[in-house]
């Protein structure tokens, strides 16, 4: 059934998912290890402020919470957290 296939592609608490996280500020590439190996792209936002984009797959939502906790420690304001469908390139600039 179509509904069942669609539901299977949704993230679960205990399953892996791909995420794109954006924060205001910059993140050093050397911090990737603390951020579960997510790729880091530093850009400039629409208002000219620095924006860091993290992209990658995390094993579960506990890992996502850990990444968000590290970003909180760095005092980087959260802009967005997006769960990206499998197979979608997470470092694309969609703007």
PDB file of N, CA and C in Angstrom:
ATOM      1  N   UNK A   1       0.833  -1.187   0.000  1.00  0.00           N
ATOM      2  CA  UNK A   1       0.000   0.000   0.000  1.00  0.00           C
ATOM      3  C   UNK A   1       0.872   1.243   0.000  1.00  0.00           C
ATOM      4  N   UNK A   2       0.404   2.248  -0.646  1.00  0.00           N
ATOM      5  CA  UNK A   2       1.169   3.481  -0.744  1.00  0.00           C
ATOM      6  C   UNK A   2       1.381   4.112   0.619  1.00  0.00           C
ATOM      7  N   UNK A   3       0.366   4.170   1.459  1.00  0.00           N
ATOM      8  CA  UNK A   3       0.478   4.759   2.784  1.00  0.00           C
ATOM      9  C   UNK A   3       1.527   4.081   3.635  1.00  0.00           C
ATOM     10  N   UNK A   4       1.616   2.748   3.519  1.00  0.00           N
ATOM     11  CA  UNK A   4       2.602   2.000   4.293  1.00  0.00           C
ATOM     12  C   UNK A   4       4.015   2.318   3.827  1.00  0.00           C
ATOM     13  N   UNK A   5       4.222   2.417   2.508  1.00  0.00           N
ATOM     14  CA  UNK A   5       5.540   2.758   1.989  1.00  0.00           C
ATOM     15  C   UNK A   5       5.954   4.137   2.458  1.00  0.00           C
ATOM     16  N   UNK A   6       5.035   5.057   2.436  1.00  0.00           N
ATOM     17  CA  UNK A   6       5.318   6.424   2.841  1.00  0.00           C
ATOM     18  C   UNK A   6       5.662   6.481   4.322  1.00  0.00           C
ATOM     19  N   UNK A   7       4.928   5.739   5.141  1.00  0.00           N
ATOM     20  CA  UNK A   7       5.176   5.724   6.572  1.00  0.00           C
ATOM     21  C   UNK A   7       6.537   5.126   6.887  1.00  0.00           C
ATOM     22  N   UNK A   8       6.983   4.138   6.118  1.00  0.00           N
ATOM     23  CA  UNK A   8       8.289   3.517   6.333  1.00  0.00           C
ATOM     24  C   UNK A   8       9.426   4.493   6.097  1.00  0.00           C
ATOM     25  N   UNK A   9       9.229   5.507   5.245  1.00  0.00           N
ATOM     26  CA  UNK A   9      10.297   6.454   4.956  1.00  0.00           C
ATOM     27  C   UNK A   9      10.396   7.557   6.005  1.00  0.00           C
ATOM     28  N   UNK A  10       9.437   7.628   6.924  1.00  0.00           N
ATOM     29  CA  UNK A  10       9.483   8.632   7.981  1.00  0.00           C
ATOM     30  C   UNK A  10      10.492   8.221   9.043  1.00  0.00           C
ATOM     31  N   UNK A  11      11.140   9.195   9.668  1.00  0.00           N
ATOM     32  CA  UNK A  11      12.122   8.849  10.704  1.00  0.00           C
ATOM     33  C   UNK A  11      11.432   8.270  11.942  1.00  0.00           C
ATOM     34  N   UNK A  12      12.175   7.459  12.667  1.00  0.00           N
ATOM     35  CA  UNK A  12      11.676   6.912  13.926  1.00  0.00           C
ATOM     36  C   UNK A  12      12.653   7.326  15.028  1.00  0.00           C
ATOM     37  N   UNK A  13      12.247   7.160  16.257  1.00  0.00           N
ATOM     38  CA  UNK A  13      13.110   7.511  17.380  1.00  0.00           C
ATOM     39  C   UNK A  13      14.391   6.682  17.380  1.00  0.00           C
ATOM     40  N   UNK A  14      14.293   5.424  16.980  1.00  0.00           N
ATOM     41  CA  UNK A  14      15.426   4.505  17.103  1.00  0.00           C
ATOM     42  C   UNK A  14      16.122   4.193  15.784  1.00  0.00           C
ATOM     43  N   UNK A  15      15.660   4.758  14.683  1.00  0.00           N
ATOM     44  CA  UNK A  15      16.258   4.424  13.393  1.00  0.00           C
ATOM     45  C   UNK A  15      17.088   5.561  12.828  1.00  0.00           C
ATOM     46  N   UNK A  16      17.921   5.248  11.845  1.00  0.00           N
ATOM     47  CA  UNK A  16      18.762   6.274  11.233  1.00  0.00           C
ATOM     48  C   UNK A  16      17.952   7.236  10.373  1.00  0.00           C
ATOM     49  N   UNK A  17      18.465   8.438  10.238  1.00  0.00           N
ATOM     50  CA  UNK A  17      17.850   9.445   9.362  1.00  0.00           C
ATOM     51  C   UNK A  17      18.919  10.454   8.964  1.00  0.00           C
ATOM     52  N   UNK A  18      18.686  11.096   7.822  1.00  0.00           N
ATOM     53  CA  UNK A  18      19.592  12.144   7.345  1.00  0.00           C
ATOM     54  C   UNK A  18      19.037  13.498   7.782  1.00  0.00           C
ATOM     55  N   UNK A  19      19.943  14.374   8.239  1.00  0.00           N
ATOM     56  CA  UNK A  19      19.527  15.677   8.746  1.00  0.00           C
ATOM     57  C   UNK A  19      20.355  16.785   8.130  1.00  0.00           C
ATOM     58  N   UNK A  20      19.713  17.952   8.027  1.00  0.00           N
ATOM     59  CA  UNK A  20      20.393  19.204   7.692  1.00  0.00           C
ATOM     60  C   UNK A  20      20.067  20.151   8.848  1.00  0.00           C
ATOM     61  N   UNK A  21      21.093  20.647   9.505  1.00  0.00           N
ATOM     62  CA  UNK A  21      20.940  21.536  10.655  1.00  0.00           C
ATOM     63  C   UNK A  21      21.635  22.843  10.317  1.00  0.00           C
ATOM     64  N   UNK A  22      20.965  23.968  10.546  1.00  0.00           N
ATOM     65  CA  UNK A  22      21.576  25.270  10.311  1.00  0.00           C
ATOM     66  C   UNK A  22      21.600  26.055  11.612  1.00  0.00           C
ATOM     67  N   UNK A  23      22.732  26.707  11.870  1.00  0.00           N
ATOM     68  CA  UNK A  23      22.888  27.560  13.046  1.00  0.00           C
ATOM     69  C   UNK A  23      23.511  28.883  12.606  1.00  0.00           C
ATOM     70  N   UNK A  24      23.270  29.914  13.408  1.00  0.00           N
ATOM     71  CA  UNK A  24      23.911  31.198  13.141  1.00  0.00           C
ATOM     72  C   UNK A  24      25.305  31.169  13.758  1.00  0.00           C
ATOM     73  N   UNK A  25      26.313  31.417  12.949  1.00  0.00           N
ATOM     74  CA  UNK A  25      27.689  31.393  13.408  1.00  0.00           C
ATOM     75  C   UNK A  25      28.538  30.505  12.521  1.00  0.00           C
ATOM     76  N   UNK A  26      29.758  30.286  12.970  1.00  0.00           N
ATOM     77  CA  UNK A  26      30.705  29.455  12.225  1.00  0.00           C
ATOM     78  C   UNK A  26      31.136  28.274  13.074  1.00  0.00           C
ATOM     79  N   UNK A  27      31.427  27.161  12.404  1.00  0.00           N
ATOM     80  CA  UNK A  27      31.913  25.958  13.073  1.00  0.00           C
ATOM     81  C   UNK A  27      33.202  25.541  12.376  1.00  0.00           C
ATOM     82  N   UNK A  28      34.206  25.240  13.147  1.00  0.00           N
ATOM     83  CA  UNK A  28      35.484  24.800  12.597  1.00  0.00           C
ATOM     84  C   UNK A  28      35.375  23.347  12.115  1.00  0.00           C
ATOM     85  N   UNK A  29      35.994  23.015  10.983  1.00  0.00           N
ATOM     86  CA  UNK A  29      35.971  21.633  10.496  1.00  0.00           C
ATOM     87  C   UNK A  29      36.501  20.636  11.540  1.00  0.00           C
ATOM     88  N   UNK A  30      37.404  21.089  12.394  1.00  0.00           N
ATOM     89  CA  UNK A  30      37.951  20.203  13.430  1.00  0.00           C
ATOM     90  C   UNK A  30      36.896  19.782  14.457  1.00  0.00           C
ATOM     91  N   UNK A  31      35.761  20.455  14.475  1.00  0.00           N
ATOM     92  CA  UNK A  31      34.680  20.103  15.397  1.00  0.00           C
ATOM     93  C   UNK A  31      33.782  18.984  14.868  1.00  0.00           C
ATOM     94  N   UNK A  32      34.026  18.516  13.654  1.00  0.00           N
ATOM     95  CA  UNK A  32      33.175  17.478  13.046  1.00  0.00           C
ATOM     96  C   UNK A  32      33.100  16.225  13.913  1.00  0.00           C
ATOM     97  N   UNK A  33      34.193  15.889  14.570  1.00  0.00           N
ATOM     98  CA  UNK A  33      34.189  14.675  15.400  1.00  0.00           C
ATOM     99  C   UNK A  33      33.157  14.792  16.523  1.00  0.00           C
ATOM    100  N   UNK A  34      33.118  15.926  17.194  1.00  0.00           N
ATOM    101  CA  UNK A  34      32.131  16.134  18.266  1.00  0.00           C
ATOM    102  C   UNK A  34      30.710  16.182  17.715  1.00  0.00           C
ATOM    103  N   UNK A  35      30.587  16.480  16.430  1.00  0.00           N
ATOM    104  CA  UNK A  35      29.271  16.608  15.801  1.00  0.00           C
ATOM    105  C   UNK A  35      28.920  15.368  14.987  1.00  0.00           C
ATOM    106  N   UNK A  36      29.357  14.218  15.472  1.00  0.00           N
ATOM    107  CA  UNK A  36      29.025  12.902  14.902  1.00  0.00           C
ATOM    108  C   UNK A  36      29.445  12.747  13.451  1.00  0.00           C
ATOM    109  N   UNK A  37      30.511  13.457  13.055  1.00  0.00           N
ATOM    110  CA  UNK A  37      31.033  13.322  11.704  1.00  0.00           C
ATOM    111  C   UNK A  37      30.210  13.993  10.624  1.00  0.00           C
ATOM    112  N   UNK A  38      29.271  14.826  11.019  1.00  0.00           N
ATOM    113  CA  UNK A  38      28.458  15.515  10.020  1.00  0.00           C
ATOM    114  C   UNK A  38      29.339  16.472   9.227  1.00  0.00           C
ATOM    115  N   UNK A  39      29.023  16.645   7.940  1.00  0.00           N
ATOM    116  CA  UNK A  39      29.785  17.600   7.131  1.00  0.00           C
ATOM    117  C   UNK A  39      29.421  19.011   7.581  1.00  0.00           C
ATOM    118  N   UNK A  40      30.373  19.911   7.475  1.00  0.00           N
ATOM    119  CA  UNK A  40      30.186  21.287   7.921  1.00  0.00           C
ATOM    120  C   UNK A  40      30.438  22.216   6.744  1.00  0.00           C
ATOM    121  N   UNK A  41      29.483  23.099   6.502  1.00  0.00           N
ATOM    122  CA  UNK A  41      29.633  24.105   5.451  1.00  0.00           C
ATOM    123  C   UNK A  41      29.342  25.464   6.078  1.00  0.00           C
ATOM    124  N   UNK A  42      30.306  26.353   6.058  1.00  0.00           N
ATOM    125  CA  UNK A  42      30.118  27.710   6.557  1.00  0.00           C
ATOM    126  C   UNK A  42      29.774  28.620   5.394  1.00  0.00           C
ATOM    127  N   UNK A  43      28.662  29.328   5.506  1.00  0.00           N
ATOM    128  CA  UNK A  43      28.195  30.217   4.451  1.00  0.00           C
ATOM    129  C   UNK A  43      27.799  31.556   5.073  1.00  0.00           C
ATOM    130  N   UNK A  44      27.213  32.397   4.253  1.00  0.00           N
ATOM    131  CA  UNK A  44      26.681  33.673   4.719  1.00  0.00           C
ATOM    132  C   UNK A  44      25.180  33.661   4.450  1.00  0.00           C
ATOM    133  N   UNK A  45      24.393  34.013   5.474  1.00  0.00           N
ATOM    134  CA  UNK A  45      22.943  34.023   5.339  1.00  0.00           C
ATOM    135  C   UNK A  45      22.439  35.224   4.560  1.00  0.00           C
ATOM    136  N   UNK A  46      21.124  35.276   4.375  1.00  0.00           N
ATOM    137  CA  UNK A  46      20.486  36.346   3.604  1.00  0.00           C
ATOM    138  C   UNK A  46      20.761  37.728   4.185  1.00  0.00           C
ATOM    139  N   UNK A  47      20.930  37.806   5.499  1.00  0.00           N
ATOM    140  CA  UNK A  47      21.163  39.099   6.146  1.00  0.00           C
ATOM    141  C   UNK A  47      22.648  39.427   6.264  1.00  0.00           C
ATOM    142  N   UNK A  48      23.508  38.590   5.695  1.00  0.00           N
ATOM    143  CA  UNK A  48      24.934  38.824   5.749  1.00  0.00           C
ATOM    144  C   UNK A  48      25.616  38.235   6.972  1.00  0.00           C
ATOM    145  N   UNK A  49      24.861  37.548   7.817  1.00  0.00           N
ATOM    146  CA  UNK A  49      25.437  36.932   9.010  1.00  0.00           C
ATOM    147  C   UNK A  49      25.978  35.548   8.671  1.00  0.00           C
ATOM    148  N   UNK A  50      27.003  35.094   9.380  1.00  0.00           N
ATOM    149  CA  UNK A  50      27.533  33.758   9.123  1.00  0.00           C
ATOM    150  C   UNK A  50      26.526  32.677   9.516  1.00  0.00           C
ATOM    151  N   UNK A  51      26.445  31.652   8.684  1.00  0.00           N
ATOM    152  CA  UNK A  51      25.564  30.514   8.918  1.00  0.00           C
ATOM    153  C   UNK A  51      26.379  29.247   8.689  1.00  0.00           C
ATOM    154  N   UNK A  52      26.273  28.314   9.629  1.00  0.00           N
ATOM    155  CA  UNK A  52      26.919  27.013   9.475  1.00  0.00           C
ATOM    156  C   UNK A  52      25.840  25.973   9.197  1.00  0.00           C
ATOM    157  N   UNK A  53      26.094  25.133   8.204  1.00  0.00           N
ATOM    158  CA  UNK A  53      25.155  24.067   7.845  1.00  0.00           C
ATOM    159  C   UNK A  53      25.839  22.728   8.093  1.00  0.00           C
ATOM    160  N   UNK A  54      25.196  21.888   8.884  1.00  0.00           N
ATOM    161  CA  UNK A  54      25.680  20.527   9.159  1.00  0.00           C
ATOM    162  C   UNK A  54      24.784  19.567   8.389  1.00  0.00           C
ATOM    163  N   UNK A  55      25.380  18.589   7.737  1.00  0.00           N
ATOM    164  CA  UNK A  55      24.608  17.626   6.965  1.00  0.00           C
ATOM    165  C   UNK A  55      25.158  16.230   7.199  1.00  0.00           C
ATOM    166  N   UNK A  56      24.242  15.263   7.279  1.00  0.00           N
ATOM    167  CA  UNK A  56      24.674  13.888   7.380  1.00  0.00           C
ATOM    168  C   UNK A  56      23.650  12.987   8.026  1.00  0.00           C
ATOM    169  N   UNK A  57      24.002  11.699   8.068  1.00  0.00           N
ATOM    170  CA  UNK A  57      23.113  10.704   8.655  1.00  0.00           C
ATOM    171  C   UNK A  57      23.483  10.473  10.113  1.00  0.00           C
ATOM    172  N   UNK A  58      22.458  10.393  10.941  1.00  0.00           N
ATOM    173  CA  UNK A  58      22.649  10.076  12.355  1.00  0.00           C
ATOM    174  C   UNK A  58      21.918   8.772  12.646  1.00  0.00           C
ATOM    175  N   UNK A  59      22.455   7.954  13.558  1.00  0.00           N
ATOM    176  CA  UNK A  59      21.890   6.625  13.791  1.00  0.00           C
ATOM    177  C   UNK A  59      20.514   6.629  14.451  1.00  0.00           C
ATOM    178  N   UNK A  60      20.192   7.677  15.214  1.00  0.00           N
ATOM    179  CA  UNK A  60      18.901   7.750  15.890  1.00  0.00           C
ATOM    180  C   UNK A  60      18.701   9.157  16.438  1.00  0.00           C
ATOM    181  N   UNK A  61      17.554   9.388  17.072  1.00  0.00           N
ATOM    182  CA  UNK A  61      17.278  10.732  17.571  1.00  0.00           C
ATOM    183  C   UNK A  61      18.057  11.058  18.840  1.00  0.00           C
ATOM    184  N   UNK A  62      18.586  10.065  19.521  1.00  0.00           N
ATOM    185  CA  UNK A  62      19.479  10.336  20.654  1.00  0.00           C
ATOM    186  C   UNK A  62      20.745  11.022  20.125  1.00  0.00           C
ATOM    187  N   UNK A  63      21.260  10.549  18.990  1.00  0.00           N
ATOM    188  CA  UNK A  63      22.434  11.174  18.379  1.00  0.00           C
ATOM    189  C   UNK A  63      22.116  12.597  17.934  1.00  0.00           C
ATOM    190  N   UNK A  64      20.917  12.813  17.405  1.00  0.00           N
ATOM    191  CA  UNK A  64      20.496  14.159  17.017  1.00  0.00           C
ATOM    192  C   UNK A  64      20.487  15.076  18.234  1.00  0.00           C
ATOM    193  N   UNK A  65      19.942  14.602  19.342  1.00  0.00           N
ATOM    194  CA  UNK A  65      19.923  15.389  20.574  1.00  0.00           C
ATOM    195  C   UNK A  65      21.345  15.708  21.027  1.00  0.00           C
ATOM    196  N   UNK A  66      22.269  14.772  20.854  1.00  0.00           N
ATOM    197  CA  UNK A  66      23.659  15.007  21.212  1.00  0.00           C
ATOM    198  C   UNK A  66      24.292  16.102  20.372  1.00  0.00           C
ATOM    199  N   UNK A  67      24.031  16.088  19.070  1.00  0.00           N
ATOM    200  CA  UNK A  67      24.556  17.130  18.181  1.00  0.00           C
ATOM    201  C   UNK A  67      23.979  18.486  18.588  1.00  0.00           C
ATOM    202  N   UNK A  68      22.682  18.524  18.845  1.00  0.00           N
ATOM    203  CA  UNK A  68      22.055  19.783  19.256  1.00  0.00           C
ATOM    204  C   UNK A  68      22.622  20.274  20.579  1.00  0.00           C
ATOM    205  N   UNK A  69      22.954  19.358  21.467  1.00  0.00           N
ATOM    206  CA  UNK A  69      23.552  19.721  22.748  1.00  0.00           C
ATOM    207  C   UNK A  69      24.930  20.361  22.547  1.00  0.00           C
ATOM    208  N   UNK A  70      25.733  19.808  21.646  1.00  0.00           N
ATOM    209  CA  UNK A  70      27.052  20.381  21.357  1.00  0.00           C
ATOM    210  C   UNK A  70      26.881  21.789  20.780  1.00  0.00           C
ATOM    211  N   UNK A  71      25.935  21.961  19.869  1.00  0.00           N
ATOM    212  CA  UNK A  71      25.692  23.287  19.296  1.00  0.00           C
ATOM    213  C   UNK A  71      25.272  24.275  20.379  1.00  0.00           C
ATOM    214  N   UNK A  72      24.500  23.804  21.350  1.00  0.00           N
ATOM    215  CA  UNK A  72      24.106  24.643  22.487  1.00  0.00           C
ATOM    216  C   UNK A  72      25.338  25.026  23.304  1.00  0.00           C
ATOM    217  N   UNK A  73      26.227  24.069  23.556  1.00  0.00           N
ATOM    218  CA  UNK A  73      27.479  24.352  24.279  1.00  0.00           C
ATOM    219  C   UNK A  73      28.282  25.440  23.566  1.00  0.00           C
ATOM    220  N   UNK A  74      28.284  25.417  22.238  1.00  0.00           N
ATOM    221  CA  UNK A  74      29.009  26.402  21.442  1.00  0.00           C
ATOM    222  C   UNK A  74      28.263  27.741  21.384  1.00  0.00           C
ATOM    223  N   UNK A  75      27.078  27.787  21.956  1.00  0.00           N
ATOM    224  CA  UNK A  75      26.217  28.980  21.980  1.00  0.00           C
ATOM    225  C   UNK A  75      25.904  29.484  20.571  1.00  0.00           C
ATOM    226  N   UNK A  76      25.564  28.527  19.687  1.00  0.00           N
ATOM    227  CA  UNK A  76      25.186  28.858  18.320  1.00  0.00           C
ATOM    228  C   UNK A  76      23.670  28.795  18.197  1.00  0.00           C
ATOM    229  N   UNK A  77      23.006  29.905  17.898  1.00  0.00           N
ATOM    230  CA  UNK A  77      21.548  29.911  17.774  1.00  0.00           C
ATOM    231  C   UNK A  77      21.070  29.007  16.626  1.00  0.00           C
ATOM    232  N   UNK A  78      20.118  28.176  16.930  1.00  0.00           N
ATOM    233  CA  UNK A  78      19.554  27.240  15.964  1.00  0.00           C
ATOM    234  C   UNK A  78      18.640  27.972  14.990  1.00  0.00           C
ATOM    235  N   UNK A  79      18.849  27.747  13.696  1.00  0.00           N
ATOM    236  CA  UNK A  79      17.976  28.311  12.661  1.00  0.00           C
ATOM    237  C   UNK A  79      16.967  27.267  12.223  1.00  0.00           C
ATOM    238  N   UNK A  80      17.457  26.049  11.915  1.00  0.00           N
ATOM    239  CA  UNK A  80      16.537  25.003  11.468  1.00  0.00           C
ATOM    240  C   UNK A  80      17.147  23.620  11.627  1.00  0.00           C
ATOM    241  N   UNK A  81      16.264  22.638  11.745  1.00  0.00           N
ATOM    242  CA  UNK A  81      16.622  21.224  11.726  1.00  0.00           C
ATOM    243  C   UNK A  81      15.655  20.574  10.751  1.00  0.00           C
ATOM    244  N   UNK A  82      16.194  19.950   9.709  1.00  0.00           N
ATOM    245  CA  UNK A  82      15.354  19.338   8.693  1.00  0.00           C
ATOM    246  C   UNK A  82      15.736  17.881   8.524  1.00  0.00           C
ATOM    247  N   UNK A  83      14.756  17.009   8.587  1.00  0.00           N
ATOM    248  CA  UNK A  83      14.978  15.606   8.266  1.00  0.00           C
ATOM    249  C   UNK A  83      14.845  15.488   6.753  1.00  0.00           C
ATOM    250  N   UNK A  84      15.880  14.974   6.117  1.00  0.00           N
ATOM    251  CA  UNK A  84      15.944  14.913   4.668  1.00  0.00           C
ATOM    252  C   UNK A  84      15.693  13.483   4.224  1.00  0.00           C
ATOM    253  N   UNK A  85      14.889  13.324   3.194  1.00  0.00           N
ATOM    254  CA  UNK A  85      14.559  11.994   2.690  1.00  0.00           C
ATOM    255  C   UNK A  85      15.818  11.255   2.262  1.00  0.00           C
ATOM    256  N   UNK A  86      15.861   9.924   2.458  1.00  0.00           N
ATOM    257  CA  UNK A  86      17.021   9.135   2.015  1.00  0.00           C
ATOM    258  C   UNK A  86      17.282   9.351   0.533  1.00  0.00           C
ATOM    259  N   UNK A  87      18.544   9.431   0.175  1.00  0.00           N
ATOM    260  CA  UNK A  87      18.908   9.610  -1.225  1.00  0.00           C
ATOM    261  C   UNK A  87      18.953  11.057  -1.672  1.00  0.00           C
ATOM    262  N   UNK A  88      18.485  11.987  -0.828  1.00  0.00           N
ATOM    263  CA  UNK A  88      18.533  13.403  -1.174  1.00  0.00           C
ATOM    264  C   UNK A  88      19.858  13.958  -0.698  1.00  0.00           C
ATOM    265  N   UNK A  89      20.537  14.686  -1.554  1.00  0.00           N
ATOM    266  CA  UNK A  89      21.825  15.284  -1.189  1.00  0.00           C
ATOM    267  C   UNK A  89      21.573  16.360  -0.142  1.00  0.00           C
ATOM    268  N   UNK A  90      22.180  16.216   1.035  1.00  0.00           N
ATOM    269  CA  UNK A  90      21.888  17.126   2.136  1.00  0.00           C
ATOM    270  C   UNK A  90      22.680  18.413   2.096  1.00  0.00           C
ATOM    271  N   UNK A  91      23.679  18.553   1.249  1.00  0.00           N
ATOM    272  CA  UNK A  91      24.430  19.791   1.229  1.00  0.00           C
ATOM    273  C   UNK A  91      24.045  20.693   0.089  1.00  0.00           C
ATOM    274  N   UNK A  92      22.928  20.408  -0.553  1.00  0.00           N
ATOM    275  CA  UNK A  92      22.447  21.272  -1.619  1.00  0.00           C
ATOM    276  C   UNK A  92      21.990  22.582  -1.029  1.00  0.00           C
ATOM    277  N   UNK A  93      22.225  23.647  -1.742  1.00  0.00           N
ATOM    278  CA  UNK A  93      21.711  24.944  -1.334  1.00  0.00           C
ATOM    279  C   UNK A  93      20.344  25.105  -1.998  1.00  0.00           C
ATOM    280  N   UNK A  94      19.299  25.042  -1.186  1.00  0.00           N
ATOM    281  CA  UNK A  94      17.934  25.063  -1.734  1.00  0.00           C
ATOM    282  C   UNK A  94      17.370  26.460  -1.848  1.00  0.00           C
ATOM    283  N   UNK A  95      18.152  27.471  -1.547  1.00  0.00           N
ATOM    284  CA  UNK A  95      17.622  28.836  -1.591  1.00  0.00           C
ATOM    285  C   UNK A  95      17.710  29.413  -2.957  1.00  0.00           C
TER     286      UNK A  95
END
